[in-house]
N, C-alpha and C. Protein backbone atom coordinates (compact mmCIF):
# COMPACT_ATOMS: atom_id res chain seq x y z
N UNK A 1 317.91 102.05 -66.44
CA UNK A 1 316.59 101.86 -66.97
C UNK A 1 316.40 102.82 -68.14
N UNK A 2 316.02 102.30 -69.27
CA UNK A 2 315.84 103.10 -70.47
C UNK A 2 314.36 103.15 -70.82
N UNK A 3 313.82 104.35 -70.96
CA UNK A 3 312.42 104.56 -71.32
C UNK A 3 311.44 103.79 -70.44
N UNK A 4 311.74 103.64 -69.16
CA UNK A 4 310.83 102.99 -68.23
C UNK A 4 310.74 101.48 -68.37
N UNK A 5 311.53 100.89 -69.24
CA UNK A 5 311.46 99.43 -69.39
C UNK A 5 312.28 98.77 -68.30
N UNK A 6 311.88 97.54 -67.95
CA UNK A 6 312.60 96.80 -66.93
C UNK A 6 313.04 95.47 -67.49
N UNK A 7 314.01 94.89 -66.87
CA UNK A 7 314.43 93.56 -67.28
C UNK A 7 313.89 92.56 -66.27
N UNK A 8 313.68 91.34 -66.70
CA UNK A 8 313.16 90.31 -65.81
C UNK A 8 311.98 89.60 -66.41
N UNK A 9 311.26 88.87 -65.56
CA UNK A 9 310.15 88.05 -66.02
C UNK A 9 308.94 88.87 -66.45
N UNK A 10 308.72 89.98 -65.79
CA UNK A 10 307.52 90.77 -66.06
C UNK A 10 307.90 91.94 -66.96
N UNK A 11 307.29 91.99 -68.15
CA UNK A 11 307.67 93.00 -69.12
C UNK A 11 307.08 94.37 -68.82
N UNK A 12 305.88 94.43 -68.27
CA UNK A 12 305.26 95.70 -67.94
C UNK A 12 304.98 95.74 -66.45
N UNK A 13 305.19 96.89 -65.85
CA UNK A 13 304.90 97.02 -64.43
C UNK A 13 303.42 97.33 -64.27
N UNK A 14 302.67 96.38 -63.75
CA UNK A 14 301.23 96.57 -63.57
C UNK A 14 300.85 96.42 -62.11
N UNK A 15 301.78 96.50 -61.22
CA UNK A 15 301.54 96.35 -59.79
C UNK A 15 302.51 95.36 -59.20
N UNK A 16 302.29 95.03 -57.92
CA UNK A 16 303.20 94.09 -57.27
C UNK A 16 303.10 92.70 -57.89
N UNK A 17 304.20 91.99 -57.89
CA UNK A 17 304.27 90.64 -58.44
C UNK A 17 304.80 89.73 -57.35
N UNK A 18 304.20 88.55 -57.22
CA UNK A 18 304.63 87.56 -56.23
C UNK A 18 304.95 86.25 -56.94
N UNK A 19 305.71 85.40 -56.28
CA UNK A 19 306.11 84.11 -56.85
C UNK A 19 305.46 82.98 -56.07
N UNK A 20 304.82 82.06 -56.78
CA UNK A 20 304.24 80.87 -56.17
C UNK A 20 305.38 79.96 -55.71
N UNK A 21 305.36 79.53 -54.46
CA UNK A 21 306.45 78.69 -53.97
C UNK A 21 306.32 77.25 -54.45
N UNK A 22 305.20 76.91 -55.08
CA UNK A 22 305.03 75.57 -55.62
C UNK A 22 305.60 75.43 -57.01
N UNK A 23 305.20 76.32 -57.91
CA UNK A 23 305.63 76.20 -59.31
C UNK A 23 306.65 77.26 -59.72
N UNK A 24 306.94 78.21 -58.82
CA UNK A 24 307.92 79.27 -59.05
C UNK A 24 307.52 80.22 -60.17
N UNK A 25 306.22 80.32 -60.47
CA UNK A 25 305.72 81.25 -61.48
C UNK A 25 305.40 82.58 -60.83
N UNK A 26 305.83 83.65 -61.48
CA UNK A 26 305.56 85.00 -60.98
C UNK A 26 304.23 85.49 -61.54
N UNK A 27 303.39 86.02 -60.65
CA UNK A 27 302.08 86.51 -61.07
C UNK A 27 301.57 87.55 -60.07
N UNK A 28 300.39 88.07 -60.34
CA UNK A 28 299.78 89.07 -59.47
C UNK A 28 299.31 88.44 -58.16
N UNK A 29 299.37 89.17 -57.06
CA UNK A 29 298.92 88.62 -55.77
C UNK A 29 297.45 88.20 -55.78
N UNK A 30 296.62 88.80 -56.62
CA UNK A 30 295.21 88.44 -56.67
C UNK A 30 294.99 87.02 -57.19
N UNK A 31 295.99 86.45 -57.86
CA UNK A 31 295.88 85.10 -58.40
C UNK A 31 296.50 84.06 -57.47
N UNK A 32 297.00 84.51 -56.32
CA UNK A 32 297.69 83.62 -55.38
C UNK A 32 297.05 83.69 -54.01
N UNK A 33 297.31 82.68 -53.20
CA UNK A 33 296.87 82.62 -51.81
C UNK A 33 298.08 82.88 -50.92
N UNK A 34 297.95 83.82 -50.00
CA UNK A 34 299.02 84.07 -49.05
C UNK A 34 298.87 83.09 -47.90
N UNK A 35 299.98 82.53 -47.46
CA UNK A 35 299.99 81.61 -46.33
C UNK A 35 301.01 82.08 -45.30
N UNK A 36 300.74 81.78 -44.03
CA UNK A 36 301.66 82.12 -42.95
C UNK A 36 301.81 80.91 -42.03
N UNK A 37 302.85 80.90 -41.23
CA UNK A 37 303.07 79.83 -40.26
C UNK A 37 302.58 80.28 -38.90
N UNK A 38 301.68 79.49 -38.31
CA UNK A 38 301.17 79.76 -36.97
C UNK A 38 301.22 78.46 -36.18
N UNK A 39 301.98 78.47 -35.09
CA UNK A 39 302.08 77.31 -34.19
C UNK A 39 302.40 76.01 -34.93
N UNK A 40 303.34 76.05 -35.83
CA UNK A 40 303.79 74.84 -36.52
C UNK A 40 302.90 74.39 -37.67
N UNK A 41 301.93 75.20 -38.05
CA UNK A 41 301.04 74.87 -39.16
C UNK A 41 301.06 75.97 -40.20
N UNK A 42 300.88 75.58 -41.46
CA UNK A 42 300.74 76.55 -42.53
C UNK A 42 299.26 76.88 -42.64
N UNK A 43 298.92 78.16 -42.49
CA UNK A 43 297.54 78.61 -42.44
C UNK A 43 297.26 79.53 -43.61
N UNK A 44 296.13 79.35 -44.32
CA UNK A 44 295.79 80.27 -45.40
C UNK A 44 295.44 81.64 -44.84
N UNK A 45 295.94 82.67 -45.45
CA UNK A 45 295.67 84.05 -45.05
C UNK A 45 294.78 84.67 -46.12
N UNK A 46 293.50 84.35 -46.05
CA UNK A 46 292.54 84.77 -47.07
C UNK A 46 292.46 86.29 -47.18
N UNK A 47 292.47 86.97 -46.03
CA UNK A 47 292.38 88.43 -46.02
C UNK A 47 293.70 89.13 -46.28
N UNK A 48 294.78 88.36 -46.40
CA UNK A 48 296.13 88.89 -46.63
C UNK A 48 296.53 89.92 -45.58
N UNK A 49 296.14 89.64 -44.31
CA UNK A 49 296.42 90.58 -43.23
C UNK A 49 297.02 89.94 -41.99
N UNK A 50 297.20 88.63 -41.97
CA UNK A 50 297.76 87.99 -40.78
C UNK A 50 299.19 88.44 -40.56
N UNK A 51 299.60 88.59 -39.30
CA UNK A 51 300.97 89.03 -39.03
C UNK A 51 301.98 87.94 -39.34
N UNK A 52 303.19 88.36 -39.57
CA UNK A 52 304.27 87.42 -39.80
C UNK A 52 304.66 87.34 -41.26
N UNK A 53 305.72 86.61 -41.49
CA UNK A 53 306.23 86.44 -42.84
C UNK A 53 305.27 85.57 -43.63
N UNK A 54 304.97 85.96 -44.84
CA UNK A 54 304.04 85.21 -45.68
C UNK A 54 304.74 84.62 -46.89
N UNK A 55 304.09 83.63 -47.46
CA UNK A 55 304.52 83.02 -48.72
C UNK A 55 303.28 82.95 -49.60
N UNK A 56 303.48 82.73 -50.90
CA UNK A 56 302.39 82.76 -51.86
C UNK A 56 302.29 81.45 -52.61
N UNK A 57 301.05 81.02 -52.88
CA UNK A 57 300.80 79.74 -53.50
C UNK A 57 299.57 79.85 -54.39
N UNK A 58 299.61 79.21 -55.55
CA UNK A 58 298.42 79.16 -56.41
C UNK A 58 297.32 78.37 -55.71
N UNK A 59 296.07 78.59 -56.09
CA UNK A 59 294.93 77.85 -55.56
C UNK A 59 294.87 76.49 -56.27
N UNK A 60 295.92 75.71 -56.14
CA UNK A 60 296.06 74.48 -56.90
C UNK A 60 296.76 73.44 -56.03
N UNK A 61 296.17 72.26 -55.94
CA UNK A 61 296.78 71.20 -55.13
C UNK A 61 298.11 70.73 -55.69
N UNK A 62 298.31 70.85 -56.99
CA UNK A 62 299.59 70.46 -57.59
C UNK A 62 300.72 71.37 -57.10
N UNK A 63 300.44 72.66 -56.99
CA UNK A 63 301.44 73.59 -56.45
C UNK A 63 301.73 73.28 -54.99
N UNK A 64 300.70 72.90 -54.24
CA UNK A 64 300.90 72.50 -52.85
C UNK A 64 301.81 71.28 -52.77
N UNK A 65 301.55 70.27 -53.61
CA UNK A 65 302.39 69.07 -53.62
C UNK A 65 303.84 69.40 -53.98
N UNK A 66 304.02 70.28 -54.97
CA UNK A 66 305.38 70.68 -55.36
C UNK A 66 306.09 71.39 -54.21
N UNK A 67 305.38 72.28 -53.53
CA UNK A 67 305.98 73.01 -52.41
C UNK A 67 306.36 72.07 -51.28
N UNK A 68 305.50 71.08 -51.01
CA UNK A 68 305.81 70.09 -49.96
C UNK A 68 307.03 69.25 -50.35
N UNK A 69 307.05 68.80 -51.59
CA UNK A 69 308.15 67.95 -52.08
C UNK A 69 309.48 68.69 -51.99
N UNK A 70 309.46 69.98 -52.32
CA UNK A 70 310.69 70.78 -52.31
C UNK A 70 311.01 71.36 -50.93
N UNK A 71 310.14 71.09 -49.94
CA UNK A 71 310.28 71.64 -48.59
C UNK A 71 310.36 73.17 -48.62
N UNK A 72 309.52 73.76 -49.43
CA UNK A 72 309.58 75.21 -49.66
C UNK A 72 308.94 76.02 -48.54
N UNK A 73 307.99 75.44 -47.81
CA UNK A 73 307.29 76.21 -46.78
C UNK A 73 308.23 76.67 -45.68
N UNK A 74 309.02 75.77 -45.12
CA UNK A 74 309.91 76.16 -44.02
C UNK A 74 310.96 77.16 -44.49
N UNK A 75 311.42 77.02 -45.73
CA UNK A 75 312.40 77.98 -46.26
C UNK A 75 311.75 79.35 -46.50
N UNK A 76 310.61 79.36 -47.16
CA UNK A 76 309.96 80.63 -47.51
C UNK A 76 309.47 81.37 -46.27
N UNK A 77 308.99 80.62 -45.29
CA UNK A 77 308.46 81.24 -44.07
C UNK A 77 309.53 81.39 -43.00
N UNK A 78 310.73 80.91 -43.29
CA UNK A 78 311.88 81.00 -42.38
C UNK A 78 311.56 80.40 -41.01
N UNK A 79 311.12 79.14 -41.05
CA UNK A 79 310.77 78.40 -39.83
C UNK A 79 311.64 77.16 -39.78
N UNK A 80 312.14 76.83 -38.61
CA UNK A 80 312.95 75.63 -38.43
C UNK A 80 312.03 74.41 -38.37
N UNK A 81 312.44 73.32 -38.99
CA UNK A 81 311.68 72.08 -38.93
C UNK A 81 310.56 72.03 -39.96
N UNK A 82 309.78 70.96 -39.88
CA UNK A 82 308.70 70.79 -40.85
C UNK A 82 307.42 71.45 -40.33
N UNK A 83 306.55 71.78 -41.27
CA UNK A 83 305.28 72.44 -40.94
C UNK A 83 304.13 71.54 -41.37
N UNK A 84 303.04 71.58 -40.62
CA UNK A 84 301.83 70.82 -40.94
C UNK A 84 301.01 71.62 -41.96
N UNK A 85 300.64 70.99 -43.07
CA UNK A 85 299.90 71.68 -44.13
C UNK A 85 298.46 71.19 -44.23
N UNK A 86 297.96 70.49 -43.21
CA UNK A 86 296.61 69.92 -43.26
C UNK A 86 295.54 71.01 -43.43
N UNK A 87 295.64 72.12 -42.69
CA UNK A 87 294.66 73.20 -42.82
C UNK A 87 294.68 73.82 -44.21
N UNK A 88 295.87 74.00 -44.75
CA UNK A 88 296.01 74.56 -46.09
C UNK A 88 295.44 73.61 -47.13
N UNK A 89 295.76 72.33 -47.02
CA UNK A 89 295.25 71.33 -47.97
C UNK A 89 293.71 71.31 -47.93
N UNK A 90 293.14 71.34 -46.73
CA UNK A 90 291.68 71.35 -46.59
C UNK A 90 291.08 72.59 -47.24
N UNK A 91 291.71 73.73 -47.04
CA UNK A 91 291.23 74.98 -47.64
C UNK A 91 291.27 74.90 -49.17
N UNK A 92 292.37 74.41 -49.73
CA UNK A 92 292.49 74.32 -51.19
C UNK A 92 291.49 73.31 -51.76
N UNK A 93 291.28 72.19 -51.08
CA UNK A 93 290.30 71.21 -51.55
C UNK A 93 288.90 71.80 -51.52
N UNK A 94 288.59 72.55 -50.48
CA UNK A 94 287.28 73.18 -50.37
C UNK A 94 287.09 74.23 -51.47
N UNK A 95 288.12 75.01 -51.75
CA UNK A 95 288.03 76.02 -52.80
C UNK A 95 287.82 75.37 -54.16
N UNK A 96 288.51 74.26 -54.42
CA UNK A 96 288.35 73.55 -55.67
C UNK A 96 286.95 72.98 -55.82
N UNK A 97 286.38 72.49 -54.72
CA UNK A 97 285.04 71.93 -54.75
C UNK A 97 284.00 73.02 -54.95
N UNK A 98 284.17 74.16 -54.30
CA UNK A 98 283.21 75.26 -54.43
C UNK A 98 283.25 75.89 -55.81
N UNK A 99 284.43 75.93 -56.41
CA UNK A 99 284.57 76.60 -57.71
C UNK A 99 283.87 75.84 -58.82
N UNK A 100 283.89 74.52 -58.79
CA UNK A 100 283.36 73.77 -59.92
C UNK A 100 282.28 72.78 -59.54
N UNK A 101 282.00 72.64 -58.25
CA UNK A 101 281.03 71.65 -57.84
C UNK A 101 281.66 70.29 -57.61
N UNK A 102 282.88 70.08 -58.07
CA UNK A 102 283.63 68.85 -57.85
C UNK A 102 285.11 69.19 -57.75
N UNK A 103 285.89 68.33 -57.14
CA UNK A 103 287.32 68.63 -56.95
C UNK A 103 288.02 68.93 -58.26
N UNK A 104 289.03 69.80 -58.19
CA UNK A 104 289.81 70.13 -59.38
C UNK A 104 290.46 68.90 -59.95
N UNK A 105 290.58 68.91 -61.26
CA UNK A 105 291.20 67.78 -61.92
C UNK A 105 290.22 66.65 -62.18
N UNK A 106 289.01 66.77 -61.64
CA UNK A 106 288.02 65.72 -61.83
C UNK A 106 286.79 66.26 -62.55
N UNK A 107 286.93 67.40 -63.23
CA UNK A 107 285.81 67.93 -63.98
C UNK A 107 285.45 66.97 -65.10
N UNK A 108 284.17 66.91 -65.38
CA UNK A 108 283.71 66.01 -66.45
C UNK A 108 284.23 66.54 -67.79
N UNK A 109 284.72 65.65 -68.59
CA UNK A 109 285.20 66.05 -69.90
C UNK A 109 284.13 65.74 -70.92
N UNK A 110 283.94 66.64 -71.84
CA UNK A 110 282.95 66.45 -72.88
C UNK A 110 283.59 65.75 -74.05
N UNK A 111 282.95 64.68 -74.48
CA UNK A 111 283.47 63.96 -75.63
C UNK A 111 282.90 64.59 -76.88
N UNK A 112 283.77 64.77 -77.85
CA UNK A 112 283.30 65.31 -79.12
C UNK A 112 282.98 64.16 -80.05
N UNK A 113 281.85 64.27 -80.70
CA UNK A 113 281.39 63.23 -81.60
C UNK A 113 281.60 63.72 -83.02
N UNK A 114 282.14 62.87 -83.86
CA UNK A 114 282.36 63.21 -85.26
C UNK A 114 281.00 63.24 -85.96
N UNK A 115 280.61 64.40 -86.54
CA UNK A 115 279.28 64.50 -87.15
C UNK A 115 279.12 63.71 -88.45
N UNK A 116 280.16 63.18 -89.00
CA UNK A 116 280.02 62.47 -90.29
C UNK A 116 279.60 61.04 -90.16
């Protein structure tokens, strides 16, 4: 290490960095949702304190779909077999609805009118 610089995706060390298992983007834990496996289900760990191995996911249904398609939950959480993501999907849909008043991806778009 020369002059405190590091190699890799993150150029400056500003705290812990986690990887979203859906899109594989590295970012701060505050921008991600921690999830854990409990009784065959993937459960959101909002307080980031539930016991067990955790994985990280953006608050985005697209990242959830990518993680499901790639079967990333069982690998990241080191669980045999498939996991039920219904609770996680419900949580993400609720967060999207609360954040904007309507589900993500369905926000009203403003049309721009040509003033001439």
